[in-house]
Amino acid sequence: MTTIYHNPRCRKSRETLAILEEQKEEFNIIKYLETPPSEKELTEVIKMLEISPVELIRKTEKLWKENYK
């Protein structure tokens, strides 16, 4: 089953959710701001996507810009 880590405030996340709903297939929604993924889950997602951890970060967020950029 497909899983989407969803943020209702994010336009791209809402668009992705709409695509999944149009496909009429079952999927699991995890609102990651309410239920943050564990370190193990994040490691699995990073491995599955074949990306570096920093590529998961929303770099346009104020928190990132002020503290980590």
N, C-alpha and C. Protein backbone atom coordinates (compact mmCIF):
# COMPACT_ATOMS: atom_id res chain seq x y z
N MET A 1 0.85 -1.18 0.00
CA MET A 1 0.00 0.00 0.00
C MET A 1 0.90 1.24 0.00
N THR A 2 0.48 2.25 -0.73
CA THR A 2 1.19 3.52 -0.79
C THR A 2 0.97 4.30 0.49
N THR A 3 2.02 4.97 0.93
CA THR A 3 1.92 5.85 2.10
C THR A 3 2.34 7.25 1.69
N ILE A 4 1.59 8.24 2.14
CA ILE A 4 1.96 9.63 1.90
C ILE A 4 2.17 10.29 3.27
N TYR A 5 3.33 10.91 3.42
CA TYR A 5 3.59 11.74 4.60
C TYR A 5 3.07 13.12 4.23
N HIS A 6 1.97 13.50 4.83
CA HIS A 6 1.18 14.63 4.36
C HIS A 6 1.25 15.82 5.31
N ASN A 7 1.35 17.00 4.72
CA ASN A 7 1.26 18.27 5.45
C ASN A 7 0.15 19.07 4.78
N PRO A 8 -1.01 19.20 5.40
CA PRO A 8 -2.13 19.90 4.78
C PRO A 8 -1.84 21.36 4.40
N ARG A 9 -0.83 21.98 5.02
CA ARG A 9 -0.48 23.36 4.68
C ARG A 9 0.37 23.45 3.40
N CYS A 10 0.88 22.33 2.93
CA CYS A 10 1.80 22.31 1.78
C CYS A 10 1.03 22.06 0.49
N ARG A 11 1.18 22.98 -0.45
CA ARG A 11 0.49 22.87 -1.74
C ARG A 11 0.88 21.58 -2.47
N LYS A 12 2.15 21.26 -2.52
CA LYS A 12 2.58 20.06 -3.23
C LYS A 12 2.04 18.79 -2.57
N SER A 13 1.98 18.81 -1.25
CA SER A 13 1.43 17.67 -0.55
C SER A 13 -0.07 17.51 -0.85
N ARG A 14 -0.78 18.62 -0.87
CA ARG A 14 -2.22 18.57 -1.21
C ARG A 14 -2.42 18.09 -2.65
N GLU A 15 -1.58 18.54 -3.56
CA GLU A 15 -1.69 18.11 -4.96
C GLU A 15 -1.42 16.61 -5.09
N THR A 16 -0.42 16.12 -4.36
CA THR A 16 -0.11 14.69 -4.39
C THR A 16 -1.27 13.88 -3.83
N LEU A 17 -1.84 14.35 -2.74
CA LEU A 17 -2.99 13.67 -2.15
C LEU A 17 -4.16 13.62 -3.14
N ALA A 18 -4.39 14.70 -3.86
CA ALA A 18 -5.47 14.73 -4.86
C ALA A 18 -5.22 13.70 -5.97
N ILE A 19 -3.98 13.57 -6.40
CA ILE A 19 -3.64 12.58 -7.44
C ILE A 19 -3.94 11.17 -6.93
N LEU A 20 -3.53 10.90 -5.70
CA LEU A 20 -3.80 9.57 -5.13
C LEU A 20 -5.30 9.31 -5.01
N GLU A 21 -6.05 10.31 -4.61
CA GLU A 21 -7.50 10.15 -4.48
C GLU A 21 -8.15 9.90 -5.83
N GLU A 22 -7.67 10.55 -6.88
CA GLU A 22 -8.20 10.35 -8.23
C GLU A 22 -7.96 8.93 -8.73
N GLN A 23 -6.87 8.31 -8.28
CA GLN A 23 -6.53 6.95 -8.74
C GLN A 23 -7.42 5.89 -8.11
N LYS A 24 -8.19 6.28 -7.09
CA LYS A 24 -9.13 5.38 -6.44
C LYS A 24 -8.47 4.11 -5.89
N GLU A 25 -7.22 4.22 -5.51
CA GLU A 25 -6.52 3.11 -4.88
C GLU A 25 -6.35 3.40 -3.40
N GLU A 26 -6.20 2.35 -2.62
CA GLU A 26 -6.02 2.53 -1.19
C GLU A 26 -4.64 3.11 -0.89
N PHE A 27 -4.60 4.01 0.08
CA PHE A 27 -3.32 4.55 0.52
C PHE A 27 -3.44 4.97 1.97
N ASN A 28 -2.31 5.11 2.60
CA ASN A 28 -2.23 5.47 4.01
C ASN A 28 -1.72 6.90 4.11
N ILE A 29 -2.37 7.72 4.92
CA ILE A 29 -1.95 9.11 5.13
C ILE A 29 -1.35 9.23 6.52
N ILE A 30 -0.14 9.77 6.58
CA ILE A 30 0.48 10.08 7.86
C ILE A 30 0.72 11.58 7.89
N LYS A 31 0.02 12.27 8.77
CA LYS A 31 0.23 13.71 8.94
C LYS A 31 1.47 13.87 9.82
N TYR A 32 2.61 14.06 9.15
CA TYR A 32 3.88 13.97 9.85
C TYR A 32 4.11 15.07 10.87
N LEU A 33 3.37 16.16 10.81
CA LEU A 33 3.50 17.19 11.84
C LEU A 33 2.82 16.77 13.13
N GLU A 34 1.78 15.96 13.00
CA GLU A 34 1.06 15.44 14.17
C GLU A 34 1.67 14.15 14.68
N THR A 35 2.16 13.33 13.76
CA THR A 35 2.76 12.04 14.09
C THR A 35 4.12 11.95 13.39
N PRO A 36 5.14 12.54 13.98
CA PRO A 36 6.46 12.53 13.33
C PRO A 36 6.98 11.10 13.15
N PRO A 37 7.63 10.84 12.03
CA PRO A 37 8.21 9.52 11.81
C PRO A 37 9.40 9.29 12.75
N SER A 38 9.62 8.05 13.05
CA SER A 38 10.76 7.68 13.89
C SER A 38 12.04 7.77 13.07
N GLU A 39 13.15 7.70 13.75
CA GLU A 39 14.44 7.70 13.05
C GLU A 39 14.52 6.51 12.09
N LYS A 40 14.02 5.37 12.52
CA LYS A 40 14.02 4.17 11.67
C LYS A 40 13.18 4.40 10.41
N GLU A 41 11.98 4.98 10.58
CA GLU A 41 11.12 5.25 9.42
C GLU A 41 11.78 6.23 8.46
N LEU A 42 12.39 7.28 9.00
CA LEU A 42 13.09 8.25 8.14
C LEU A 42 14.24 7.58 7.39
N THR A 43 14.98 6.74 8.08
CA THR A 43 16.09 6.03 7.43
C THR A 43 15.57 5.16 6.28
N GLU A 44 14.44 4.50 6.50
CA GLU A 44 13.85 3.65 5.45
C GLU A 44 13.41 4.48 4.25
N VAL A 45 12.79 5.63 4.50
CA VAL A 45 12.33 6.50 3.41
C VAL A 45 13.53 7.03 2.62
N ILE A 46 14.55 7.47 3.32
CA ILE A 46 15.76 7.99 2.66
C ILE A 46 16.40 6.91 1.78
N LYS A 47 16.47 5.71 2.32
CA LYS A 47 17.05 4.60 1.55
C LYS A 47 16.19 4.28 0.33
N MET A 48 14.88 4.23 0.52
CA MET A 48 13.96 3.90 -0.57
C MET A 48 14.03 4.95 -1.69
N LEU A 49 14.14 6.22 -1.31
CA LEU A 49 14.19 7.31 -2.29
C LEU A 49 15.57 7.51 -2.89
N GLU A 50 16.57 6.88 -2.27
CA GLU A 50 17.96 7.01 -2.72
C GLU A 50 18.39 8.47 -2.76
N ILE A 51 18.17 9.15 -1.63
CA ILE A 51 18.55 10.56 -1.49
C ILE A 51 19.36 10.74 -0.21
N SER A 52 19.93 11.91 -0.05
CA SER A 52 20.62 12.22 1.19
C SER A 52 19.60 12.79 2.18
N PRO A 53 19.87 12.69 3.46
CA PRO A 53 18.91 13.19 4.46
C PRO A 53 18.54 14.67 4.27
N VAL A 54 19.49 15.48 3.89
CA VAL A 54 19.21 16.92 3.73
C VAL A 54 18.19 17.18 2.62
N GLU A 55 18.05 16.26 1.70
CA GLU A 55 17.09 16.43 0.61
C GLU A 55 15.63 16.31 1.08
N LEU A 56 15.41 15.82 2.28
CA LEU A 56 14.06 15.76 2.84
C LEU A 56 13.63 17.08 3.47
N ILE A 57 14.57 17.96 3.69
CA ILE A 57 14.30 19.18 4.44
C ILE A 57 13.61 20.23 3.57
N ARG A 58 12.60 20.87 4.16
CA ARG A 58 11.90 21.98 3.51
C ARG A 58 12.74 23.24 3.73
N LYS A 59 13.58 23.56 2.78
CA LYS A 59 14.55 24.63 2.94
C LYS A 59 13.95 26.03 2.82
N THR A 60 12.69 26.13 2.49
CA THR A 60 12.03 27.43 2.43
C THR A 60 11.39 27.81 3.76
N GLU A 61 11.39 26.88 4.72
CA GLU A 61 10.79 27.15 6.02
C GLU A 61 11.65 28.13 6.83
N LYS A 62 10.97 29.00 7.57
CA LYS A 62 11.65 30.01 8.38
C LYS A 62 12.64 29.38 9.37
N LEU A 63 12.24 28.30 10.01
CA LEU A 63 13.10 27.62 10.98
C LEU A 63 14.44 27.21 10.35
N TRP A 64 14.38 26.65 9.15
CA TRP A 64 15.60 26.23 8.45
C TRP A 64 16.46 27.45 8.11
N LYS A 65 15.84 28.46 7.54
CA LYS A 65 16.59 29.65 7.12
C LYS A 65 17.28 30.33 8.30
N GLU A 66 16.59 30.42 9.42
CA GLU A 66 17.13 31.14 10.57
C GLU A 66 18.17 30.34 11.35
N ASN A 67 18.06 29.02 11.33
CA ASN A 67 18.93 28.23 12.21
C ASN A 67 19.94 27.31 11.54
N TYR A 68 19.68 26.94 10.30
CA TYR A 68 20.52 25.89 9.72
C TYR A 68 21.10 26.20 8.35
N LYS A 69 20.64 27.21 7.70
CA LYS A 69 21.07 27.48 6.32
C LYS A 69 22.56 27.67 6.21
